[in-house]
Amino acid sequence: IPSGSGTEVLKRFYKDNLTNSDITLINGVANHIYTVLSVTFSERNDDDELINMQVTIDGGSTDIHLLTHEPIGGFETFIFSDKFILSGTDELKVSLSSAGAVDVYISYIDSDYT
């Protein structure tokens, strides 16, 4: 647990046209805590897609799956609004089961204790 004073900054990241390859939304850094506020997925074609989202713990090989094959229909929006944290070098990644026209937008708080 970081100690001492730090800063908190509200941040966002977005990526358009997700694919079936992992996209890193948050690439954690030591002495940071990231509080994820919401992740919004928007399907821009009239295609059904399947969303995957996972946390890689400490930048290693252990993946904790938050969404696995979560369906999103054509021209629909899916909002993951459960709050959760990433600590240190954790990574938040998303992908689709197949390439598609899904955009993702994330808002989070970066607490920096360096």
C-alpha atoms as a PDB file:
ATOM      1  CA  ILE A   1       0.000   0.000   0.000  1.00  0.00           C
ATOM      2  CA  PRO A   2       1.557   3.311  -1.033  1.00  0.00           C
ATOM      3  CA  SER A   3       2.114   5.794   1.758  1.00  0.00           C
ATOM      4  CA  GLY A   4       2.664   9.525   1.844  1.00  0.00           C
ATOM      5  CA  SER A   5       1.097  12.185  -0.287  1.00  0.00           C
ATOM      6  CA  GLY A   6       0.074  11.660  -3.868  1.00  0.00           C
ATOM      7  CA  THR A   7      -1.988  13.089  -6.668  1.00  0.00           C
ATOM      8  CA  GLU A   8      -5.260  11.994  -8.228  1.00  0.00           C
ATOM      9  CA  VAL A   9      -6.070  12.763 -11.844  1.00  0.00           C
ATOM     10  CA  LEU A  10      -9.233  11.889 -13.748  1.00  0.00           C
ATOM     11  CA  LYS A  11      -8.202  10.329 -17.072  1.00  0.00           C
ATOM     12  CA  ARG A  12      -9.709   8.713 -20.144  1.00  0.00           C
ATOM     13  CA  PHE A  13      -8.591   6.489 -22.984  1.00  0.00           C
ATOM     14  CA  TYR A  14     -10.366   5.343 -26.128  1.00  0.00           C
ATOM     15  CA  LYS A  15      -9.810   3.011 -29.038  1.00  0.00           C
ATOM     16  CA  ASP A  16     -11.925   2.636 -32.148  1.00  0.00           C
ATOM     17  CA  ASN A  17     -12.432  -0.545 -34.157  1.00  0.00           C
ATOM     18  CA  LEU A  18     -11.426  -3.217 -31.667  1.00  0.00           C
ATOM     19  CA  THR A  19     -10.092  -6.472 -33.101  1.00  0.00           C
ATOM     20  CA  ASN A  20      -9.626 -10.003 -31.858  1.00  0.00           C
ATOM     21  CA  SER A  21      -6.167  -8.971 -30.534  1.00  0.00           C
ATOM     22  CA  ASP A  22      -5.786  -7.619 -26.995  1.00  0.00           C
ATOM     23  CA  ILE A  23      -5.782  -3.824 -26.660  1.00  0.00           C
ATOM     24  CA  THR A  24      -4.308  -2.463 -23.425  1.00  0.00           C
ATOM     25  CA  LEU A  25      -6.549   0.246 -21.939  1.00  0.00           C
ATOM     26  CA  ILE A  26      -4.446   0.754 -18.803  1.00  0.00           C
ATOM     27  CA  ASN A  27      -0.792  -0.254 -18.606  1.00  0.00           C
ATOM     28  CA  GLY A  28      -0.089   0.074 -14.890  1.00  0.00           C
ATOM     29  CA  VAL A  29       2.974   1.663 -13.354  1.00  0.00           C
ATOM     30  CA  ALA A  30       4.495   0.917  -9.938  1.00  0.00           C
ATOM     31  CA  ASN A  31       3.208   3.101  -7.068  1.00  0.00           C
ATOM     32  CA  HIS A  32      -0.041   3.914  -8.896  1.00  0.00           C
ATOM     33  CA  ILE A  33      -3.583   2.840  -8.090  1.00  0.00           C
ATOM     34  CA  TYR A  34      -6.164   3.056 -10.905  1.00  0.00           C
ATOM     35  CA  THR A  35      -9.869   3.283 -10.058  1.00  0.00           C
ATOM     36  CA  VAL A  36     -11.909   2.363 -13.125  1.00  0.00           C
ATOM     37  CA  LEU A  37     -15.195   4.282 -13.224  1.00  0.00           C
ATOM     38  CA  SER A  38     -16.760   2.977 -16.427  1.00  0.00           C
ATOM     39  CA  VAL A  39     -15.943   1.242 -19.690  1.00  0.00           C
ATOM     40  CA  THR A  40     -18.293   1.951 -22.618  1.00  0.00           C
ATOM     41  CA  PHE A  41     -18.452  -0.230 -25.734  1.00  0.00           C
ATOM     42  CA  SER A  42     -20.327   0.961 -28.836  1.00  0.00           C
ATOM     43  CA  GLU A  43     -21.011  -1.255 -31.858  1.00  0.00           C
ATOM     44  CA  ARG A  44     -21.046   0.930 -34.998  1.00  0.00           C
ATOM     45  CA  ASN A  45     -22.168  -1.584 -37.614  1.00  0.00           C
ATOM     46  CA  ASP A  46     -25.213  -3.784 -37.706  1.00  0.00           C
ATOM     47  CA  ASP A  47     -23.191  -6.783 -36.467  1.00  0.00           C
ATOM     48  CA  ASP A  48     -23.406  -8.866 -33.317  1.00  0.00           C
ATOM     49  CA  GLU A  49     -20.082  -9.054 -31.471  1.00  0.00           C
ATOM     50  CA  LEU A  50     -18.653 -10.676 -28.322  1.00  0.00           C
ATOM     51  CA  ILE A  51     -16.597  -8.554 -25.887  1.00  0.00           C
ATOM     52  CA  ASN A  52     -13.724  -9.793 -23.701  1.00  0.00           C
ATOM     53  CA  MET A  53     -12.131  -7.783 -20.866  1.00  0.00           C
ATOM     54  CA  GLN A  54      -9.500  -8.967 -18.428  1.00  0.00           C
ATOM     55  CA  VAL A  55      -6.952  -7.757 -15.889  1.00  0.00           C
ATOM     56  CA  THR A  56      -3.416  -9.113 -16.166  1.00  0.00           C
ATOM     57  CA  ILE A  57      -2.069  -9.152 -12.617  1.00  0.00           C
ATOM     58  CA  ASP A  58       1.319  -7.462 -12.073  1.00  0.00           C
ATOM     59  CA  GLY A  59       1.961  -7.424 -15.831  1.00  0.00           C
ATOM     60  CA  GLY A  60       2.475 -11.200 -15.642  1.00  0.00           C
ATOM     61  CA  SER A  61       0.712 -14.225 -17.025  1.00  0.00           C
ATOM     62  CA  THR A  62      -2.302 -14.397 -14.664  1.00  0.00           C
ATOM     63  CA  ASP A  63      -5.474 -13.069 -16.333  1.00  0.00           C
ATOM     64  CA  ILE A  64      -8.615 -12.350 -14.332  1.00  0.00           C
ATOM     65  CA  HIS A  65     -11.549 -12.276 -16.757  1.00  0.00           C
ATOM     66  CA  LEU A  66     -14.139  -9.568 -16.091  1.00  0.00           C
ATOM     67  CA  LEU A  67     -16.072 -10.185 -19.334  1.00  0.00           C
ATOM     68  CA  THR A  68     -15.899 -13.301 -21.473  1.00  0.00           C
ATOM     69  CA  HIS A  69     -17.903 -13.372 -24.712  1.00  0.00           C
ATOM     70  CA  GLU A  70     -20.275 -10.636 -23.489  1.00  0.00           C
ATOM     71  CA  PRO A  71     -22.722 -10.087 -26.372  1.00  0.00           C
ATOM     72  CA  ILE A  72     -23.266  -6.675 -27.916  1.00  0.00           C
ATOM     73  CA  GLY A  73     -25.770  -6.357 -30.743  1.00  0.00           C
ATOM     74  CA  GLY A  74     -25.639  -4.265 -33.877  1.00  0.00           C
ATOM     75  CA  PHE A  75     -25.749  -0.496 -33.195  1.00  0.00           C
ATOM     76  CA  GLU A  76     -25.916  -1.189 -29.422  1.00  0.00           C
ATOM     77  CA  THR A  77     -23.984   0.185 -26.471  1.00  0.00           C
ATOM     78  CA  PHE A  78     -22.742  -1.857 -23.512  1.00  0.00           C
ATOM     79  CA  ILE A  79     -21.590  -0.038 -20.365  1.00  0.00           C
ATOM     80  CA  PHE A  80     -19.531  -1.819 -17.710  1.00  0.00           C
ATOM     81  CA  SER A  81     -20.120   0.483 -14.734  1.00  0.00           C
ATOM     82  CA  ASP A  82     -18.888  -1.681 -11.842  1.00  0.00           C
ATOM     83  CA  LYS A  83     -16.039   0.108 -10.079  1.00  0.00           C
ATOM     84  CA  PHE A  84     -12.779  -1.804  -9.637  1.00  0.00           C
ATOM     85  CA  ILE A  85      -9.110  -1.032  -9.092  1.00  0.00           C
ATOM     86  CA  LEU A  86      -5.822  -1.942 -10.667  1.00  0.00           C
ATOM     87  CA  SER A  87      -2.666  -1.687  -8.624  1.00  0.00           C
ATOM     88  CA  GLY A  88       0.918  -1.187  -9.690  1.00  0.00           C
ATOM     89  CA  THR A  89       1.782  -2.960 -12.921  1.00  0.00           C
ATOM     90  CA  ASP A  90      -1.646  -4.549 -13.490  1.00  0.00           C
ATOM     91  CA  GLU A  91      -2.951  -4.169 -17.052  1.00  0.00           C
ATOM     92  CA  LEU A  92      -6.536  -3.832 -18.285  1.00  0.00           C
ATOM     93  CA  LYS A  93      -7.083  -5.383 -21.716  1.00  0.00           C
ATOM     94  CA  VAL A  94     -10.062  -5.740 -24.054  1.00  0.00           C
ATOM     95  CA  SER A  95     -10.696  -7.581 -27.308  1.00  0.00           C
ATOM     96  CA  LEU A  96     -13.477  -8.950 -29.471  1.00  0.00           C
ATOM     97  CA  SER A  97     -13.963 -12.575 -30.368  1.00  0.00           C
ATOM     98  CA  SER A  98     -13.632 -11.451 -34.014  1.00  0.00           C
ATOM     99  CA  ALA A  99     -12.608  -8.195 -35.690  1.00  0.00           C
ATOM    100  CA  GLY A 100     -15.451  -5.685 -35.688  1.00  0.00           C
ATOM    101  CA  ALA A 101     -16.492  -2.074 -35.556  1.00  0.00           C
ATOM    102  CA  VAL A 102     -16.708  -1.669 -31.780  1.00  0.00           C
ATOM    103  CA  ASP A 103     -15.313   1.436 -30.089  1.00  0.00           C
ATOM    104  CA  VAL A 104     -14.305   1.484 -26.409  1.00  0.00           C
ATOM    105  CA  TYR A 105     -14.045   4.476 -24.040  1.00  0.00           C
ATOM    106  CA  ILE A 106     -12.779   4.222 -20.450  1.00  0.00           C
ATOM    107  CA  SER A 107     -12.755   6.790 -17.649  1.00  0.00           C
ATOM    108  CA  TYR A 108     -10.632   6.241 -14.543  1.00  0.00           C
ATOM    109  CA  ILE A 109      -8.796   7.917 -11.668  1.00  0.00           C
ATOM    110  CA  ASP A 110      -5.001   7.620 -11.590  1.00  0.00           C
ATOM    111  CA  SER A 111      -3.693   7.919  -8.014  1.00  0.00           C
ATOM    112  CA  ASP A 112       0.065   8.525  -8.216  1.00  0.00           C
ATOM    113  CA  TYR A 113       2.180   7.876  -5.102  1.00  0.00           C
ATOM    114  CA  THR A 114       5.650   8.132  -6.679  1.00  0.00           C
END
